[in-house]
Amino acid sequence: MGKDSRKLVANNKKAFHDYFIVEKYEAGISLAGTEVKSLRMGKCSVKESFIRIEDGEAILYGMHISPYEKGNIFNKDPLRPRKLLLHKGEIRKISGRIKEKGFTLVPLQVYFKGSLVKVEIALARGKKLYDKRQDIAKKDMRRESEREFKVRNL
């Protein structure tokens, strides 16, 4: 496995439905040993998670990592807050943007990059209900046109 190989562990499809993605960042994540083993088995969820910046640190809340089965007393709380590893300049830039109305930080995916666990986070703006409806209508139209194209080319 090379340094650039990516093995996806968890994906947050809901984020693309609920938010307009403005900017993406890659962050490391501070984990315990049994959590990494659990991630290697693919037991992770970032659906309901969010990120806050507190005291110059980015903290990920609501990310669920199932306890490692072969672990013992060293297993940590599955929903504990986890520190994200970003450069100070990036954190300052992100916190400045979050202070603007409507911006938030959401995790998009958790993956292994080589042997390191990384989280792709995004600076996002919330969608209104009519935006979500427009996206669904576009998807339906695209799906319908692909279906017609497939039928015509048989």
C-alpha atoms as a PDB file:
ATOM      1  CA  MET A   1       0.000   0.000   0.000  1.00  0.00           C
ATOM      2  CA  GLY A   2       1.537   3.332  -1.084  1.00  0.00           C
ATOM      3  CA  LYS A   3       1.541   6.621   0.744  1.00  0.00           C
ATOM      4  CA  ASP A   4      -1.156   8.098  -1.526  1.00  0.00           C
ATOM      5  CA  SER A   5      -3.548   5.143  -1.454  1.00  0.00           C
ATOM      6  CA  ARG A   6      -6.910   5.962   0.098  1.00  0.00           C
ATOM      7  CA  LYS A   7      -9.187   3.429   1.771  1.00  0.00           C
ATOM      8  CA  LEU A   8     -12.588   4.915   2.518  1.00  0.00           C
ATOM      9  CA  VAL A   9     -14.016   4.060   5.956  1.00  0.00           C
ATOM     10  CA  ALA A  10     -17.114   6.287   6.243  1.00  0.00           C
ATOM     11  CA  ASN A  11     -18.897   8.677   3.923  1.00  0.00           C
ATOM     12  CA  ASN A  12     -21.358  11.461   4.784  1.00  0.00           C
ATOM     13  CA  LYS A  13     -23.807  11.586   1.859  1.00  0.00           C
ATOM     14  CA  LYS A  14     -26.278  13.540   3.998  1.00  0.00           C
ATOM     15  CA  ALA A  15     -23.871  16.504   4.076  1.00  0.00           C
ATOM     16  CA  PHE A  16     -24.112  16.928   0.287  1.00  0.00           C
ATOM     17  CA  HIS A  17     -27.910  16.879   0.580  1.00  0.00           C
ATOM     18  CA  ASP A  18     -28.110  19.402   3.433  1.00  0.00           C
ATOM     19  CA  TYR A  19     -25.273  21.809   2.552  1.00  0.00           C
ATOM     20  CA  PHE A  20     -23.573  23.641  -0.305  1.00  0.00           C
ATOM     21  CA  ILE A  21     -19.896  22.644  -0.040  1.00  0.00           C
ATOM     22  CA  VAL A  22     -17.704  25.756  -0.334  1.00  0.00           C
ATOM     23  CA  GLU A  23     -14.195  24.576   0.603  1.00  0.00           C
ATOM     24  CA  LYS A  24     -12.666  21.209   1.537  1.00  0.00           C
ATOM     25  CA  TYR A  25      -9.824  20.503   3.956  1.00  0.00           C
ATOM     26  CA  GLU A  26      -7.966  17.366   4.987  1.00  0.00           C
ATOM     27  CA  ALA A  27      -7.363  16.943   8.702  1.00  0.00           C
ATOM     28  CA  GLY A  28      -5.726  14.310  10.850  1.00  0.00           C
ATOM     29  CA  ILE A  29      -7.637  13.033  13.848  1.00  0.00           C
ATOM     30  CA  SER A  30      -6.460  12.220  17.360  1.00  0.00           C
ATOM     31  CA  LEU A  31      -7.514   8.648  18.213  1.00  0.00           C
ATOM     32  CA  ALA A  32      -6.808   5.881  20.726  1.00  0.00           C
ATOM     33  CA  GLY A  33      -5.322   2.556  19.574  1.00  0.00           C
ATOM     34  CA  THR A  34      -8.513   0.517  19.843  1.00  0.00           C
ATOM     35  CA  GLU A  35     -10.401   3.180  17.848  1.00  0.00           C
ATOM     36  CA  VAL A  36      -7.944   2.799  14.963  1.00  0.00           C
ATOM     37  CA  LYS A  37      -8.431  -0.983  15.009  1.00  0.00           C
ATOM     38  CA  SER A  38     -12.184  -0.481  14.929  1.00  0.00           C
ATOM     39  CA  LEU A  39     -11.823   1.934  11.976  1.00  0.00           C
ATOM     40  CA  ARG A  40      -9.746  -0.650  10.093  1.00  0.00           C
ATOM     41  CA  MET A  41     -12.771  -2.951  10.372  1.00  0.00           C
ATOM     42  CA  GLY A  42     -14.943  -0.145   8.940  1.00  0.00           C
ATOM     43  CA  LYS A  43     -17.038   0.490  12.056  1.00  0.00           C
ATOM     44  CA  CYS A  44     -17.562   4.243  11.889  1.00  0.00           C
ATOM     45  CA  SER A  45     -20.385   6.700  11.222  1.00  0.00           C
ATOM     46  CA  VAL A  46     -20.194  10.464  10.580  1.00  0.00           C
ATOM     47  CA  LYS A  47     -23.834  11.053   9.616  1.00  0.00           C
ATOM     48  CA  GLU A  48     -24.905  13.216  12.565  1.00  0.00           C
ATOM     49  CA  SER A  49     -21.486  14.692  13.342  1.00  0.00           C
ATOM     50  CA  PHE A  50     -20.343  18.309  13.277  1.00  0.00           C
ATOM     51  CA  ILE A  51     -17.206  20.328  14.029  1.00  0.00           C
ATOM     52  CA  ARG A  52     -16.708  23.277  16.380  1.00  0.00           C
ATOM     53  CA  ILE A  53     -13.653  25.454  16.856  1.00  0.00           C
ATOM     54  CA  GLU A  54     -12.938  26.000  20.567  1.00  0.00           C
ATOM     55  CA  ASP A  55      -9.831  27.678  22.026  1.00  0.00           C
ATOM     56  CA  GLY A  56      -8.004  27.517  18.691  1.00  0.00           C
ATOM     57  CA  GLU A  57      -8.654  23.774  18.271  1.00  0.00           C
ATOM     58  CA  ALA A  58     -11.036  22.004  15.888  1.00  0.00           C
ATOM     59  CA  ILE A  59     -13.126  19.407  17.744  1.00  0.00           C
ATOM     60  CA  LEU A  60     -15.284  16.765  16.028  1.00  0.00           C
ATOM     61  CA  TYR A  61     -18.518  15.896  17.857  1.00  0.00           C
ATOM     62  CA  GLY A  62     -20.959  13.059  17.196  1.00  0.00           C
ATOM     63  CA  MET A  63     -18.645  10.777  15.212  1.00  0.00           C
ATOM     64  CA  HIS A  64     -19.491   7.226  16.248  1.00  0.00           C
ATOM     65  CA  ILE A  65     -16.681   4.662  16.326  1.00  0.00           C
ATOM     66  CA  SER A  66     -17.942   1.302  17.568  1.00  0.00           C
ATOM     67  CA  PRO A  67     -15.902  -0.183  20.440  1.00  0.00           C
ATOM     68  CA  TYR A  68     -13.296  -2.731  19.324  1.00  0.00           C
ATOM     69  CA  GLU A  69     -14.604  -6.242  20.102  1.00  0.00           C
ATOM     70  CA  LYS A  70     -11.263  -7.655  21.167  1.00  0.00           C
ATOM     71  CA  GLY A  71     -10.527  -4.523  23.190  1.00  0.00           C
ATOM     72  CA  ASN A  72     -10.920  -4.414  26.950  1.00  0.00           C
ATOM     73  CA  ILE A  73     -10.826  -1.574  29.482  1.00  0.00           C
ATOM     74  CA  PHE A  74      -8.902   0.525  26.968  1.00  0.00           C
ATOM     75  CA  ASN A  75     -12.003   0.992  24.792  1.00  0.00           C
ATOM     76  CA  LYS A  76     -13.088   4.630  24.728  1.00  0.00           C
ATOM     77  CA  ASP A  77     -16.593   6.134  24.641  1.00  0.00           C
ATOM     78  CA  PRO A  78     -17.906   5.681  21.051  1.00  0.00           C
ATOM     79  CA  LEU A  79     -19.261   9.238  20.836  1.00  0.00           C
ATOM     80  CA  ARG A  80     -16.486  11.126  22.642  1.00  0.00           C
ATOM     81  CA  PRO A  81     -15.322  14.461  21.139  1.00  0.00           C
ATOM     82  CA  ARG A  82     -12.171  14.042  19.039  1.00  0.00           C
ATOM     83  CA  LYS A  83      -9.534  16.637  18.281  1.00  0.00           C
ATOM     84  CA  LEU A  84      -8.803  17.358  14.614  1.00  0.00           C
ATOM     85  CA  LEU A  85      -5.213  18.069  13.628  1.00  0.00           C
ATOM     86  CA  LEU A  86      -4.998  21.180  11.457  1.00  0.00           C
ATOM     87  CA  HIS A  87      -2.423  23.949  11.081  1.00  0.00           C
ATOM     88  CA  LYS A  88      -3.042  27.099  13.172  1.00  0.00           C
ATOM     89  CA  GLY A  89      -3.337  29.215  10.035  1.00  0.00           C
ATOM     90  CA  GLU A  90      -6.006  26.907   8.609  1.00  0.00           C
ATOM     91  CA  ILE A  91      -7.938  26.969  11.881  1.00  0.00           C
ATOM     92  CA  ARG A  92      -7.789  30.791  11.989  1.00  0.00           C
ATOM     93  CA  LYS A  93      -8.967  31.030   8.377  1.00  0.00           C
ATOM     94  CA  ILE A  94     -11.822  28.561   8.963  1.00  0.00           C
ATOM     95  CA  SER A  95     -12.957  30.224  12.205  1.00  0.00           C
ATOM     96  CA  GLY A  96     -13.066  33.585  10.413  1.00  0.00           C
ATOM     97  CA  ARG A  97     -15.328  32.117   7.729  1.00  0.00           C
ATOM     98  CA  ILE A  98     -17.562  30.341  10.295  1.00  0.00           C
ATOM     99  CA  LYS A  99     -18.289  33.657  12.003  1.00  0.00           C
ATOM    100  CA  GLU A 100     -20.023  34.724   8.765  1.00  0.00           C
ATOM    101  CA  LYS A 101     -23.733  33.989   8.771  1.00  0.00           C
ATOM    102  CA  GLY A 102     -24.771  30.577   7.486  1.00  0.00           C
ATOM    103  CA  PHE A 103     -21.392  28.827   7.441  1.00  0.00           C
ATOM    104  CA  THR A 104     -20.619  25.619   9.320  1.00  0.00           C
ATOM    105  CA  LEU A 105     -18.008  22.857   9.363  1.00  0.00           C
ATOM    106  CA  VAL A 106     -19.068  19.298   8.514  1.00  0.00           C
ATOM    107  CA  PRO A 107     -17.079  16.088   8.055  1.00  0.00           C
ATOM    108  CA  LEU A 108     -17.508  14.548   4.592  1.00  0.00           C
ATOM    109  CA  GLN A 109     -15.536  11.319   4.868  1.00  0.00           C
ATOM    110  CA  VAL A 110     -13.147   9.346   7.034  1.00  0.00           C
ATOM    111  CA  TYR A 111     -10.405   7.394   5.290  1.00  0.00           C
ATOM    112  CA  PHE A 112      -6.954   5.874   5.649  1.00  0.00           C
ATOM    113  CA  LYS A 113      -4.178   7.634   3.762  1.00  0.00           C
ATOM    114  CA  GLY A 114      -1.380   5.120   3.959  1.00  0.00           C
ATOM    115  CA  SER A 115      -1.420   4.178   7.643  1.00  0.00           C
ATOM    116  CA  LEU A 116      -2.853   7.509   8.858  1.00  0.00           C
ATOM    117  CA  VAL A 117      -6.523   8.191   9.592  1.00  0.00           C
ATOM    118  CA  LYS A 118      -7.721  11.359   7.876  1.00  0.00           C
ATOM    119  CA  VAL A 119     -11.015  13.254   7.899  1.00  0.00           C
ATOM    120  CA  GLU A 120     -12.133  15.331   4.940  1.00  0.00           C
ATOM    121  CA  ILE A 121     -13.957  18.335   6.359  1.00  0.00           C
ATOM    122  CA  ALA A 122     -15.833  21.004   4.468  1.00  0.00           C
ATOM    123  CA  LEU A 123     -16.758  24.599   5.013  1.00  0.00           C
ATOM    124  CA  ALA A 124     -20.426  24.490   4.080  1.00  0.00           C
ATOM    125  CA  ARG A 125     -23.478  26.712   3.829  1.00  0.00           C
ATOM    126  CA  GLY A 126     -26.882  25.290   4.768  1.00  0.00           C
ATOM    127  CA  LYS A 127     -29.438  24.645   2.047  1.00  0.00           C
ATOM    128  CA  LYS A 128     -32.985  25.867   2.261  1.00  0.00           C
ATOM    129  CA  LEU A 129     -35.868  23.473   1.593  1.00  0.00           C
ATOM    130  CA  TYR A 130     -36.406  24.781  -1.954  1.00  0.00           C
ATOM    131  CA  ASP A 131     -32.705  24.203  -2.760  1.00  0.00           C
ATOM    132  CA  LYS A 132     -33.055  20.568  -1.687  1.00  0.00           C
ATOM    133  CA  ARG A 133     -36.151  20.209  -3.873  1.00  0.00           C
ATOM    134  CA  GLN A 134     -34.266  21.652  -6.861  1.00  0.00           C
ATOM    135  CA  ASP A 135     -31.408  19.177  -6.337  1.00  0.00           C
ATOM    136  CA  ILE A 136     -33.837  16.253  -6.163  1.00  0.00           C
ATOM    137  CA  ALA A 137     -35.587  17.462  -9.351  1.00  0.00           C
ATOM    138  CA  LYS A 138     -32.226  17.738 -11.177  1.00  0.00           C
ATOM    139  CA  LYS A 139     -31.260  14.224 -10.075  1.00  0.00           C
ATOM    140  CA  ASP A 140     -34.611  12.848 -11.280  1.00  0.00           C
ATOM    141  CA  MET A 141     -34.250  14.601 -14.653  1.00  0.00           C
ATOM    142  CA  ARG A 142     -30.700  13.275 -15.101  1.00  0.00           C
ATOM    143  CA  ARG A 143     -31.788   9.753 -14.164  1.00  0.00           C
ATOM    144  CA  GLU A 144     -34.728   9.945 -16.598  1.00  0.00           C
ATOM    145  CA  SER A 145     -32.542  11.193 -19.469  1.00  0.00           C
ATOM    146  CA  GLU A 146     -29.984   8.430 -18.808  1.00  0.00           C
ATOM    147  CA  ARG A 147     -32.776   5.870 -18.877  1.00  0.00           C
ATOM    148  CA  GLU A 148     -34.086   7.217 -22.240  1.00  0.00           C
ATOM    149  CA  PHE A 149     -30.549   7.242 -23.654  1.00  0.00           C
ATOM    150  CA  LYS A 150     -30.048   3.640 -22.561  1.00  0.00           C
ATOM    151  CA  VAL A 151     -33.357   2.548 -24.180  1.00  0.00           C
ATOM    152  CA  ARG A 152     -32.541   4.368 -27.457  1.00  0.00           C
ATOM    153  CA  ASN A 153     -29.088   2.798 -27.744  1.00  0.00           C
ATOM    154  CA  LEU A 154     -30.182  -0.829 -27.406  1.00  0.00           C
END
